[in-house]
Protein backbone atom coordinates (compact mmCIF):
# COMPACT_ATOMS: atom_id res chain seq x y z
CA MET A 1 220.94 -149.95 242.14
CA VAL A 2 224.47 -150.35 243.56
CA GLU A 3 225.70 -152.16 240.46
CA ASP A 4 224.22 -149.46 238.22
CA THR A 5 226.01 -146.75 240.19
CA LYS A 6 229.31 -148.57 239.98
CA MET A 7 228.87 -148.98 236.24
CA GLU A 8 228.28 -145.26 235.81
CA ASP A 9 231.22 -144.31 238.05
CA THR A 10 233.74 -146.70 236.49
CA ALA A 11 233.38 -145.74 232.84
CA GLY A 12 235.70 -147.70 230.57
CA ILE A 13 235.77 -150.87 232.65
CA ALA A 14 234.83 -153.95 230.68
CA PRO A 15 231.49 -155.49 231.61
CA THR A 16 231.50 -158.64 233.66
CA LYS A 17 230.01 -161.95 232.52
CA GLU A 18 226.93 -161.36 234.62
CA GLU A 19 226.35 -157.94 233.06
CA GLY A 20 226.88 -159.06 229.51
CA PRO A 21 223.58 -160.90 228.99
CA ASP A 22 221.71 -158.00 230.57
CA LYS A 23 223.05 -155.65 227.96
CA GLN A 24 222.42 -158.03 225.11
CA VAL A 25 218.68 -158.46 225.92
CA ASN A 26 217.11 -155.25 224.62
CA PRO A 27 213.37 -155.04 224.13
CA PRO A 28 212.40 -154.22 220.56
CA SER A 29 211.25 -150.67 219.94
CA VAL A 30 207.49 -150.41 219.50
CA PRO A 31 205.94 -147.59 217.38
CA PRO A 32 204.08 -145.01 219.51
CA LEU A 33 200.69 -145.71 217.96
CA GLU A 34 201.04 -149.45 218.40
CA ALA A 35 202.20 -149.00 222.00
CA ALA A 36 199.18 -146.80 222.72
CA GLY A 37 196.85 -149.41 221.29
CA ARG A 38 198.44 -152.18 223.34
CA ARG A 39 198.07 -150.08 226.46
CA LEU A 40 194.37 -149.58 225.92
CA GLU A 41 194.01 -153.30 225.39
CA ARG A 42 195.54 -153.92 228.79
CA LEU A 43 193.45 -151.23 230.44
CA LEU A 44 190.20 -152.64 229.07
CA GLY A 45 191.09 -156.14 230.28
CA GLY A 46 192.13 -157.69 227.00
CA GLY A 47 195.25 -159.63 226.08
CA SER A 48 196.54 -163.04 226.98
CA ALA A 49 196.10 -162.51 230.72
CA ALA A 50 192.46 -161.75 230.26
CA ALA A 51 191.92 -164.63 227.88
CA SER A 52 193.38 -167.11 230.36
CA SER A 53 191.35 -165.90 233.33
CA SER A 54 188.50 -168.16 234.34
CA GLY A 55 186.00 -165.57 235.63
CA PRO A 56 182.65 -164.63 234.10
CA SER A 57 182.80 -162.52 230.97
CA ASP A 58 180.78 -159.89 229.16
CA ASN A 59 178.74 -161.50 226.43
CA ALA A 60 179.20 -158.67 223.95
CA SER A 61 182.97 -158.17 224.14
CA GLY A 62 184.26 -161.27 225.89
CA ARG A 63 186.02 -159.19 228.57
CA PRO A 64 186.42 -160.78 232.00
CA LEU A 65 184.22 -159.00 234.48
CA ALA A 66 186.90 -159.15 237.19
CA ARG A 67 189.28 -157.06 235.09
CA LEU A 68 186.85 -154.84 233.22
CA TYR A 69 186.61 -152.28 236.01
CA THR A 70 190.16 -152.63 237.31
CA TYR A 71 191.02 -149.08 236.25
CA GLY A 72 187.49 -147.64 236.39
CA THR A 73 184.51 -147.63 234.05
CA PRO A 74 185.28 -148.09 230.33
CA VAL A 75 184.32 -144.50 229.42
CA LYS A 76 186.71 -143.12 232.06
CA VAL A 77 189.43 -145.45 230.95
CA THR A 78 189.05 -144.28 227.33
CA ARG A 79 189.06 -140.58 228.35
CA ARG A 80 192.29 -140.98 230.31
CA TRP A 81 193.86 -143.03 227.57
CA LEU A 82 193.05 -140.39 224.96
CA GLY A 83 194.79 -137.80 227.17
CA THR A 84 197.92 -139.90 227.60
CA ALA A 85 198.03 -140.84 223.92
CA SER A 86 197.91 -137.23 222.72
CA GLY A 87 201.72 -137.10 222.39
CA ALA A 88 201.85 -140.03 220.01
CA ALA A 89 198.80 -138.71 218.12
CA GLY A 90 200.33 -135.31 217.49
CA GLU A 91 203.45 -136.71 215.80
CA ALA A 92 201.64 -139.39 213.75
CA ILE A 93 201.66 -139.47 209.93
CA SER A 94 199.66 -141.50 207.45
CA SER A 95 202.25 -144.21 207.13
CA ASP A 96 202.31 -144.69 210.91
CA ILE A 97 198.53 -145.04 210.98
CA VAL A 98 198.62 -147.64 208.17
CA SER A 99 201.35 -149.54 209.97
CA ALA A 100 199.41 -149.50 213.28
CA ALA A 101 196.19 -150.64 211.51
CA THR A 102 198.01 -153.51 209.86
CA THR A 103 199.65 -154.63 213.11
CA LEU A 104 196.76 -154.17 215.56
CA LEU A 105 193.56 -154.85 213.61
CA ASP A 106 192.59 -158.40 212.61
CA PRO A 107 191.91 -158.64 208.82
CA SER A 108 189.78 -161.76 209.35
CA HIS A 109 187.32 -160.04 211.68
CA GLU A 110 183.67 -159.99 210.66
CA ASP A 111 183.59 -156.15 210.66
CA CYS A 112 186.77 -154.77 209.15
CA ARG A 113 185.30 -151.75 207.33
CA THR A 114 187.28 -149.23 209.36
CA ARG A 115 190.49 -151.15 208.79
CA SER A 116 189.80 -151.14 205.02
CA LEU A 117 189.24 -147.34 205.13
CA LEU A 118 192.54 -146.83 206.95
CA LEU A 119 194.51 -149.02 204.55
CA ALA A 120 192.89 -147.39 201.51
CA ILE A 121 194.13 -143.89 202.51
CA ASP A 122 197.60 -144.42 201.14
CA GLU A 123 197.88 -147.59 199.15
CA SER A 124 201.55 -147.13 198.41
CA SER A 125 202.46 -146.74 202.08
CA SER A 126 200.31 -149.69 203.01
CA MET A 127 202.04 -151.90 200.41
CA GLU A 128 205.42 -150.86 201.82
CA VAL A 129 204.35 -151.71 205.34
CA GLU A 130 203.03 -155.11 204.30
CA GLY A 131 206.20 -155.83 202.36
CA GLU A 132 208.32 -155.00 205.39
CA ASP A 133 206.16 -157.25 207.55
CA ASN A 134 206.57 -160.14 205.12
CA ASP A 135 210.33 -159.67 204.99
CA ASN A 136 210.54 -159.61 208.76
CA GLY A 137 208.33 -162.69 209.02
CA ASN A 138 210.58 -164.70 206.65
CA ASP A 139 213.73 -163.57 208.38
CA GLY A 140 215.28 -166.35 210.42
CA GLY A 141 216.76 -163.96 212.99
CA GLU A 142 213.57 -163.73 215.04
CA ALA A 143 212.77 -166.29 217.68
CA PRO A 144 210.11 -168.90 216.87
CA SER A 145 208.14 -167.82 219.94
CA THR A 146 207.63 -164.39 218.37
CA GLN A 147 206.32 -165.88 215.16
CA ALA A 148 203.94 -168.10 217.09
CA LYS A 149 202.49 -165.06 218.85
CA ASP A 150 201.92 -163.00 215.68
CA GLU A 151 198.29 -163.96 215.32
CA PRO A 152 197.18 -163.51 219.01
CA GLU A 153 198.69 -160.00 219.03
CA TYR A 154 195.65 -158.60 217.26
CA LEU A 155 193.47 -156.50 219.50
CA SER A 156 190.25 -157.98 220.84
CA ALA A 157 188.87 -155.96 223.74
CA SER A 158 189.88 -152.54 222.39
CA ARG A 159 189.59 -153.23 218.64
CA ARG A 160 186.69 -150.82 217.98
CA GLU A 161 188.16 -148.08 220.17
CA VAL A 162 191.61 -148.22 218.55
CA GLU A 163 190.34 -148.33 214.98
CA SER A 164 188.09 -145.31 215.65
CA TRP A 165 191.01 -143.48 217.21
CA LEU A 166 193.25 -144.20 214.19
CA LEU A 167 190.47 -143.02 211.90
CA SER A 168 190.19 -139.74 213.83
CA LEU A 169 193.96 -139.26 213.50
CA GLN A 170 193.77 -139.75 209.76
CA VAL A 171 190.93 -137.22 209.52
CA ARG A 172 193.02 -134.77 211.48
CA ILE A 173 195.97 -135.22 209.12
CA LEU A 174 193.82 -134.67 206.03
CA TRP A 175 192.18 -131.63 207.59
CA LYS A 176 195.51 -130.00 208.47
CA ALA A 177 196.89 -130.79 205.00
CA GLY A 178 194.00 -128.88 203.42
CA LYS A 179 192.33 -131.96 201.89
CA HIS A 180 188.89 -131.02 203.16
CA PRO A 181 186.68 -133.07 200.77
CA GLU A 182 188.66 -136.25 201.51
CA ALA A 183 188.55 -135.53 205.27
CA MET A 184 184.78 -134.93 205.17
CA GLU A 185 184.13 -138.15 203.25
CA LEU A 186 186.29 -140.17 205.62
CA VAL A 187 184.79 -138.73 208.82
CA GLU A 188 181.21 -139.22 207.53
CA LYS A 189 181.95 -142.89 206.87
CA GLY A 190 183.64 -143.27 210.25
CA ILE A 191 180.68 -141.76 212.11
CA ALA A 192 178.23 -144.00 210.23
CA ILE A 193 180.24 -147.13 211.07
CA LEU A 194 180.70 -146.13 214.71
CA LEU A 195 176.99 -145.32 215.18
CA GLU A 196 176.10 -148.70 213.72
CA GLN A 197 178.49 -150.45 216.14
CA VAL A 198 177.03 -148.53 219.09
CA THR A 199 173.47 -149.48 218.04
CA ILE A 200 174.34 -153.14 217.62
CA ALA A 201 176.24 -153.34 220.89
CA ALA A 202 173.45 -151.60 222.80
CA LYS A 203 170.90 -154.14 221.59
CA LYS A 204 172.84 -157.09 222.88
CA LEU A 205 171.95 -158.41 226.31
CA THR A 206 175.03 -158.14 228.51
CA SER A 207 175.62 -158.73 232.18
CA LEU A 208 177.07 -155.23 232.38
CA PRO A 209 174.53 -152.88 230.78
CA GLY A 210 176.32 -150.33 228.61
CA GLY A 211 179.77 -151.59 229.61
CA SER A 212 180.90 -152.33 226.08
CA VAL A 213 179.16 -149.33 224.55
CA SER A 214 180.28 -146.43 226.73
CA SER A 215 183.94 -146.79 225.79
CA LEU A 216 183.09 -145.72 222.25
CA PHE A 217 181.38 -142.44 223.28
CA PRO A 218 184.52 -140.29 223.67
CA LEU A 219 185.70 -141.40 220.22
CA LEU A 220 182.33 -140.69 218.66
CA ALA A 221 182.39 -137.20 220.16
CA ARG A 222 185.92 -136.76 218.77
CA LEU A 223 184.68 -137.58 215.25
CA TYR A 224 181.77 -135.17 215.61
CA ARG A 225 184.16 -132.37 216.50
CA TYR A 226 186.48 -133.07 213.55
CA ARG A 227 183.52 -133.12 211.19
CA SER A 228 182.45 -129.68 212.35
CA LEU A 229 186.01 -128.31 212.00
CA VAL A 230 186.34 -129.73 208.49
CA ALA A 231 182.97 -128.26 207.50
CA ASP A 232 184.04 -124.81 208.77
CA SER A 233 187.29 -125.05 206.83
CA MET A 234 185.42 -125.88 203.60
CA LYS A 235 183.70 -122.44 203.81
CA ASP A 236 180.63 -123.81 202.03
CA PRO A 237 177.38 -122.39 203.46
CA SER A 238 175.38 -125.37 202.17
CA VAL A 239 177.55 -127.86 204.07
CA THR A 240 177.40 -125.86 207.26
CA ALA A 241 173.64 -125.36 207.03
CA GLY A 242 173.10 -129.04 206.32
CA LEU A 243 175.05 -130.03 209.45
CA ARG A 244 172.75 -128.09 211.82
CA ASN A 245 169.83 -130.49 211.62
CA VAL A 246 172.24 -133.45 211.68
CA MET A 247 173.87 -132.18 214.86
CA ALA A 248 170.51 -131.47 216.47
CA LYS A 249 169.32 -135.04 215.81
CA ALA A 250 172.64 -136.46 217.02
CA HIS A 251 172.41 -134.41 220.20
CA ASN A 252 168.91 -135.73 220.82
CA MET A 253 170.07 -139.32 220.39
CA ALA A 254 173.10 -138.72 222.62
CA CYS A 255 170.78 -137.48 225.39
CA LEU A 256 168.53 -140.54 225.02
CA ARG A 257 171.39 -143.03 225.31
CA ARG A 258 173.11 -140.98 228.01
CA ASP A 259 176.23 -140.31 225.92
CA VAL A 260 177.76 -137.52 228.00
CA ASP A 261 180.75 -136.92 225.72
CA SER A 262 178.74 -136.58 222.50
CA GLN A 263 176.07 -134.55 224.27
CA ALA A 264 178.52 -131.96 225.58
CA THR A 265 180.57 -131.82 222.33
CA LEU A 266 177.51 -131.42 220.07
CA LEU A 267 176.03 -128.70 222.31
CA ASN A 268 179.27 -126.73 222.11
CA LEU A 269 179.46 -127.23 218.36
CA MET A 270 175.93 -125.96 217.84
CA LEU A 271 176.61 -122.91 220.04
CA ARG A 272 179.77 -122.22 218.14
CA ASP A 273 178.03 -122.49 214.75
CA LEU A 274 175.23 -120.10 215.83
CA LEU A 275 177.71 -117.56 217.18
CA GLU A 276 179.82 -117.70 214.00
CA HIS A 277 176.69 -116.77 212.01
CA SER A 278 175.69 -114.03 214.50
CA GLN A 279 172.45 -115.79 215.54
CA VAL A 280 172.66 -114.70 219.17
CA GLU A 281 168.96 -115.14 220.00
CA GLN A 282 168.90 -118.67 218.59
CA ALA A 283 172.06 -119.46 220.60
CA ASN A 284 170.45 -118.10 223.75
CA LYS A 285 167.35 -120.27 223.23
CA LEU A 286 169.54 -123.31 222.80
CA LEU A 287 171.54 -122.35 225.87
CA SER A 288 168.43 -121.92 228.03
CA ASN A 289 166.68 -125.11 226.80
CA ALA A 290 169.61 -127.52 226.71
CA THR A 291 171.30 -128.93 229.77
CA PHE A 292 175.05 -129.34 229.94
CA PRO A 293 176.01 -132.67 231.55
CA GLU A 294 177.81 -132.36 234.88
CA SER A 295 180.15 -135.30 234.25
CA ALA A 296 181.49 -133.91 230.96
CA SER A 297 185.23 -133.46 230.45
CA ASN A 298 186.99 -130.31 231.66
CA ASN A 299 187.82 -129.15 228.13
CA GLU A 300 184.19 -129.28 227.04
CA LEU A 301 183.18 -127.48 230.24
CA CYS A 302 185.61 -124.65 229.46
CA ARG A 303 184.24 -124.33 225.94
CA TYR A 304 180.69 -124.24 227.24
CA LEU A 305 181.53 -121.57 229.81
CA TYR A 306 183.18 -119.46 227.12
CA TYR A 307 180.28 -119.69 224.67
CA SER A 308 177.72 -119.00 227.40
CA GLY A 309 179.74 -116.01 228.62
CA ARG A 310 179.95 -114.63 225.11
CA ILE A 311 176.23 -115.02 224.51
CA GLN A 312 175.41 -113.34 227.86
CA ALA A 313 177.81 -110.47 227.09
CA LEU A 314 176.14 -109.82 223.77
CA ARG A 315 172.74 -109.78 225.57
CA LEU A 316 173.95 -107.18 228.13
CA GLU A 317 174.09 -109.70 231.01
CA TYR A 318 177.58 -108.60 232.02
CA THR A 319 177.58 -109.89 235.61
CA THR A 320 176.72 -113.47 234.59
CA ALA A 321 179.09 -113.30 231.65
CA PHE A 322 181.93 -112.13 233.92
CA SER A 323 181.28 -115.05 236.33
CA ASN A 324 181.26 -117.67 233.56
CA LEU A 325 184.35 -116.30 231.81
CA SER A 326 186.27 -116.06 235.10
CA GLN A 327 185.42 -119.68 235.84
CA CYS A 328 186.42 -120.69 232.34
CA LEU A 329 189.80 -118.99 232.63
CA ARG A 330 190.37 -120.60 236.06
CA LYS A 331 189.50 -124.10 234.81
CA ALA A 332 191.37 -123.90 231.48
CA PRO A 333 194.62 -125.90 231.33
CA THR A 334 197.74 -123.80 231.80
CA ASN A 335 200.21 -126.08 230.02
CA THR A 336 198.48 -125.96 226.64
CA GLY A 337 195.75 -124.07 224.80
CA LEU A 338 197.39 -120.62 224.93
CA GLY A 339 195.19 -119.37 222.06
CA PHE A 340 192.04 -120.31 223.89
CA ARG A 341 193.16 -118.56 227.08
CA ILE A 342 194.03 -115.45 225.11
CA THR A 343 190.56 -115.40 223.53
CA VAL A 344 188.87 -115.79 226.93
CA GLN A 345 191.09 -113.12 228.48
CA ARG A 346 190.25 -110.62 225.73
CA LEU A 347 186.53 -111.10 226.21
CA LEU A 348 186.91 -110.99 229.99
CA VAL A 349 188.71 -107.62 229.81
CA VAL A 350 185.99 -106.15 227.62
CA VAL A 351 183.23 -107.42 229.91
CA GLN A 352 185.03 -105.94 232.92
CA LEU A 353 185.20 -102.56 231.21
CA LEU A 354 181.50 -102.73 230.34
CA MET A 355 180.77 -103.42 234.03
CA GLY A 356 182.60 -100.20 234.90
CA GLU A 357 185.67 -101.93 236.36
CA ILE A 358 189.32 -101.53 235.38
CA PRO A 359 191.25 -104.81 234.95
CA LYS A 360 194.52 -105.33 236.79
CA ARG A 361 197.67 -104.34 234.98
CA HIS A 362 199.33 -107.77 235.23
CA VAL A 363 196.55 -109.25 233.08
CA PHE A 364 197.98 -107.56 230.01
CA PHE A 365 201.53 -108.73 230.65
CA SER A 366 200.96 -112.45 231.25
CA LYS A 367 203.32 -114.91 229.63
CA GLY A 368 202.61 -115.22 225.92
CA MET A 369 199.79 -112.62 225.95
CA LYS A 370 201.65 -109.30 225.85
CA THR A 371 201.47 -108.77 222.06
CA GLU A 372 197.89 -109.99 221.70
CA MET A 373 196.62 -107.91 224.61
CA ALA A 374 198.33 -104.63 223.52
CA PRO A 375 195.23 -103.16 221.79
CA TYR A 376 193.10 -103.91 224.81
CA LEU A 377 195.62 -102.27 227.10
CA ALA A 378 195.39 -99.06 225.05
CA ILE A 379 191.60 -99.17 225.17
CA THR A 380 191.69 -99.79 228.92
CA GLN A 381 193.95 -96.79 229.45
CA ALA A 382 191.58 -94.66 227.36
CA VAL A 383 188.58 -95.80 229.41
CA ARG A 384 190.44 -95.26 232.68
CA ARG A 385 191.45 -91.76 231.61
CA GLY A 386 187.85 -90.93 230.64
CA ASP A 387 188.90 -89.22 227.41
CA LEU A 388 186.41 -89.84 224.62
CA ALA A 389 188.72 -88.45 221.90
CA VAL A 390 191.53 -90.81 222.84
CA TYR A 391 189.14 -93.76 223.00
CA THR A 392 187.75 -92.99 219.53
CA LYS A 393 191.26 -92.72 218.10
CA VAL A 394 192.41 -96.04 219.63
CA VAL A 395 189.32 -97.87 218.39
CA SER A 396 189.70 -96.54 214.87
CA GLU A 397 193.36 -97.58 214.77
CA GLN A 398 192.71 -101.08 216.09
CA SER A 399 189.36 -101.72 214.35
CA SER A 400 190.75 -104.39 212.02
CA GLN A 401 192.28 -106.33 214.91
CA LEU A 402 189.12 -106.00 217.00
CA ARG A 403 186.98 -107.29 214.16
CA ARG A 404 189.21 -110.34 213.76
CA ASP A 405 188.85 -110.97 217.51
CA ASP A 406 185.03 -110.66 217.31
CA THR A 407 185.07 -108.03 220.07
CA PHE A 408 184.33 -104.89 218.04
CA THR A 409 180.59 -105.05 218.78
CA LEU A 410 181.17 -105.09 222.49
CA ILE A 411 183.95 -102.49 222.43
CA SER A 412 181.72 -100.08 220.51
CA ARG A 413 179.49 -99.99 223.63
CA LEU A 414 182.35 -98.67 225.76
CA ALA A 415 181.81 -95.02 224.69
CA GLN A 416 179.27 -94.58 227.49
CA GLN A 417 181.63 -96.13 230.00
CA VAL A 418 184.37 -93.69 228.92
CA VAL A 419 181.97 -90.81 229.57
CA LYS A 420 181.00 -92.24 233.00
CA ALA A 421 184.67 -92.66 233.97
CA GLY A 422 185.35 -89.02 233.05
CA LEU A 423 182.33 -87.87 235.02
CA ARG A 424 183.52 -89.79 238.09
CA LYS A 425 186.90 -88.07 237.95
CA LEU A 426 185.31 -84.68 237.63
CA HIS A 427 182.88 -85.47 240.46
CA VAL A 428 185.74 -86.35 242.78
CA SER A 429 187.93 -83.42 241.75
CA TYR A 430 185.35 -80.59 241.72
CA SER A 431 182.36 -79.90 243.93
CA ARG A 432 180.96 -77.43 241.37
CA LEU A 433 181.62 -77.34 237.61
CA SER A 434 179.92 -75.65 234.69
CA LEU A 435 178.34 -77.66 231.94
CA GLU A 436 180.58 -76.00 229.34
CA ASP A 437 183.66 -77.24 231.20
CA VAL A 438 182.21 -80.71 231.41
CA ALA A 439 181.66 -80.69 227.64
CA ASN A 440 185.24 -79.53 227.02
CA ARG A 441 186.77 -82.08 229.38
CA LEU A 442 184.78 -85.00 227.97
CA GLY A 443 185.00 -83.93 224.32
CA LEU A 444 181.27 -83.47 223.92
CA PRO A 445 179.93 -81.12 221.20
CA SER A 446 177.96 -78.72 223.42
CA ALA A 447 176.85 -77.90 226.97
CA THR A 448 173.36 -79.24 226.15
CA SER A 449 174.83 -82.63 225.34
CA ALA A 450 176.85 -82.50 228.55
CA GLU A 451 173.69 -81.76 230.52
CA PHE A 452 171.92 -84.77 229.05
CA VAL A 453 174.92 -87.00 229.78
CA VAL A 454 175.15 -85.79 233.38
CA ALA A 455 171.38 -86.25 233.88
CA LYS A 456 171.61 -89.86 232.72
CA ALA A 457 174.62 -90.49 234.96
CA VAL A 458 172.71 -89.10 237.96
CA ARG A 459 169.70 -91.29 237.16
CA ASP A 460 171.88 -94.42 236.84
CA GLY A 461 173.52 -93.71 240.16
CA VAL A 462 176.95 -92.95 238.74
CA LEU A 463 176.99 -89.42 240.24
CA ASP A 464 175.47 -87.95 243.34
CA ALA A 465 174.91 -84.39 242.13
CA THR A 466 172.31 -81.77 241.28
CA ILE A 467 172.01 -80.02 237.91
CA HIS A 468 171.22 -76.30 237.96
CA HIS A 469 169.86 -75.71 234.52
CA GLU A 470 169.36 -71.96 234.66
CA GLU A 471 172.82 -71.26 236.15
CA GLY A 472 174.43 -73.92 233.89
CA TYR A 473 176.47 -75.84 236.38
CA VAL A 474 176.52 -79.14 238.30
CA GLN A 475 176.70 -79.22 242.10
CA SER A 476 178.25 -82.36 243.61
CA HIS A 477 177.01 -83.59 246.95
CA ASP A 478 179.26 -84.44 249.86
CA LEU A 479 180.83 -87.88 249.58
CA VAL A 480 179.18 -90.46 251.81
CA ASP A 481 181.28 -92.77 253.93
CA VAL A 482 181.22 -96.05 251.99
CA TYR A 483 181.57 -98.05 255.23
CA ALA A 484 178.28 -96.66 256.41
CA THR A 485 176.49 -98.31 253.48
CA LYS A 486 175.80 -101.94 252.56
CA GLU A 487 178.47 -102.04 249.87
CA PRO A 488 181.26 -103.55 252.05
CA ALA A 489 178.87 -106.27 253.27
CA GLU A 490 177.83 -107.07 249.72
CA ALA A 491 181.46 -107.22 248.55
CA PHE A 492 182.29 -109.49 251.48
CA HIS A 493 179.30 -111.70 250.60
CA ARG A 494 180.49 -112.03 247.01
CA ARG A 495 183.95 -113.12 248.15
CA ILE A 496 182.58 -115.70 250.57
CA ALA A 497 180.22 -117.05 247.88
CA TYR A 498 183.14 -117.36 245.47
CA CYS A 499 185.21 -119.27 248.06
CA LEU A 500 182.31 -121.63 248.86
CA THR A 501 181.66 -122.27 245.19
CA THR A 502 185.32 -123.08 244.59
CA HIS A 503 185.35 -125.45 247.57
CA ASN A 504 182.20 -127.22 246.40
CA ASP A 505 183.57 -127.57 242.85
CA ALA A 506 186.78 -129.07 244.26
CA VAL A 507 184.88 -131.58 246.38
CA ARG A 508 182.72 -132.64 243.43
CA GLY A 509 185.83 -132.97 241.23
CA MET A 510 187.55 -135.37 243.65
CA ARG A 511 187.68 -139.05 242.66
CA TYR A 512 187.00 -141.62 245.29
CA PRO A 513 187.81 -145.33 244.90
CA PRO A 514 184.65 -147.45 244.42
CA ASP A 515 183.19 -148.98 247.58
CA ALA A 516 185.83 -147.36 249.76
CA TYR A 517 183.29 -146.60 252.44
CA LYS A 518 182.48 -150.33 252.83
CA LYS A 519 185.94 -151.10 254.24
CA GLN A 520 185.60 -148.42 256.86
CA LEU A 521 182.11 -149.64 257.67
CA GLU A 522 183.25 -153.22 258.08
CA ALA A 523 186.18 -152.11 260.18
CA SER A 524 183.96 -150.12 262.51
CA ARG A 525 181.54 -153.03 262.78
CA GLY A 526 184.43 -155.35 263.65
CA ASN A 527 185.59 -153.03 266.40
CA ARG A 528 182.11 -152.93 267.92
CA ARG A 529 181.87 -156.72 267.81
CA GLY A 530 185.26 -157.06 269.45
CA LYS A 531 184.12 -154.81 272.29
CA ARG A 532 181.03 -156.90 272.83
CA GLY A 533 183.17 -160.05 273.08
CA SER A 534 181.38 -163.23 272.21
CA ASP A 535 177.97 -161.55 271.97
CA ASP A 536 177.85 -160.87 268.19
CA LYS A 537 174.04 -161.01 267.92
CA THR A 538 172.13 -158.02 266.63
CA ASP A 539 169.12 -156.46 268.28
CA GLU A 540 166.78 -158.21 265.82
CA GLU A 541 168.25 -161.63 266.66
CA LYS A 542 167.95 -160.99 270.41
CA ALA A 543 164.32 -159.92 270.04
CA GLN A 544 163.55 -163.08 268.00
CA GLU A 545 165.12 -165.27 270.74
CA LEU A 546 163.03 -163.60 273.44
CA GLU A 547 159.89 -164.13 271.43
CA ASP A 548 160.73 -167.85 270.93
CA GLU A 549 161.33 -168.31 274.67
CA PHE A 550 158.01 -166.64 275.42
CA ASP A 551 156.22 -169.02 273.03
CA GLU A 552 157.88 -172.06 274.64
CA ASP A 553 156.78 -171.04 278.17
CA TYR A 554 153.17 -170.68 277.14
C-alpha cells in the first residue's frame, strides 16, 4: 500500500526494476458472460480445484460433497448468482451469447442440444467467433500452458445451468427485438430440454437427494416467465388460451417435485393471465385454492401480493387489499422496478380512497412518480373536497389514462365516497341543514335524492343525525368524544399488530449459518465439563456403574 501511494504521488518518475514486471503482467480481459459462467462453476464446486479433491462426490454431477454446500444449497447459489449476473445479462447481445457458448460449453458432451440451439441463432456471428478462436489458437504469442488448458476450461458442474441461462438471454433479446415467433419456438425447445434434464437427474440415485436438480429450478422458472411474456406480446388469443392448461399442468408438477421457483412463478403468471382477461372470479378461486410457497424469492412475493391485492379490491375486500398492497410496496426493491412501484402506488391510492381515507400528500410527489400520479392527485382532491361535479369532470378528463392503468373500474365506485365526504363536512359544519341545501352543496338533482343519500349514510354509520321528513331538514347529533369509545384502542391494536408482523417477517427473513447452534452447544458442554474437573461422566454412565457394583456385591 505504501509503494502504491508513492507511485500515485510521484507521477512522472520512471518505474523501478521491481515495479516493471508487475506492470507487464496484466490478466487478460474476460467477457462478462464468460466471467459469470466461470463464477457459477466455482460456486457450485466445479473447476480444477474440485476435480483434484479426494472427497466423496455426487454420482449425478461429479461434484465433491465437501465443496457442494460451501456457499449454501445449489438452489440458493443459483438464485444469488442470477442476481449478481443481471448486469452482464442486460448488456449482452447475440454475438456475446454465441461466443460464451463456444467458450464454455463442451461440444463433445453427450447432450449438446442447447449448445446447438445457441450456435444456430446467428450462424454468421458464430462463424466469426470460431474463426477468431482458431486464429488465436494458432498464434504463437500465447503461452503453451494456456493452450494446454483450453480443453479443461469447459464447464462441468454448472454446464446445464449456464446453457439454460444463455438460452434465456437469447429469448429475451429476440422478444425485445420483436421477433416473437422465433422467441416462442426457442423458449419452447429450451423448456422441453430442461424438463427432460430435470426428469433424468431426478431419477438417478445420488447421495444428496435433489442436490443436482434444484439448481435448475430458478432457470426453469425464468424460461416459464419469458414464454408467458412472449405469448402476451404475440397478441394471439389462441396461443394465450393454449398456455393456460400447459401452465396449470406445469404448476401441478412443480408442486409435486417441490420446485418453489417454478411454483411461485407459474402461480403469478396464471393470476396475471386471468386478470388481463377480466376473469376475476376464476382468479379468486385460484388464489384461494393455491398455496404460495414461503421460501419463494422476494420479487415473486411482491408480484403475488400485488395480484392478490388487485383481486381483493375488485371483490370489495378493501381492508385486505390495502394490507397486501402496503406490504408489497414495502417489500419491493427501491433501486429498480420503478414502473412496478408506480403501478402498486396507484392501486393503493384508489383502495385508500374507497376505504374512506385520504392518502398523504407526499405519496403523489415521490421521486419519479410525480407525473404518473398527477391524475390520482386531482381525483383525491375532488374526493377530499366532497364535490361530485368536480369529481365527475376530473374522471371524464382522465378516463383514457385511467383505462390504460386498469383502475377505471375501481375509480368509478368513488362517487359514493365523494358524497360521503361531502356529508361529513356538512355534518361537522352545521347542526341543522335543509335537504335542499344538501342537494345543492353535493350537486344532487333534488331534495328527495339528498334524503335517500343521507338516510343511507346514517344507516352505514357515516353520520350521526336524524332526518325530519315533514320539515325537510337533517338534525345532527352532538359529537361524541372519540376517546370515550373503543376507536383509539382499536387503532393502537392495529399499529401494534403491524409492528409485530414486521418484526416476525424480519426474523423469518434472516439467514443463519448451517449448524451454527452446534458450536455454541459444544462450547457450553465443554465449559460444564471443565467445571466438573475430571468427572466427565454423564448421569446415565453413573447409573450404569452403580448397577454393575450392585450386581457384583450380590
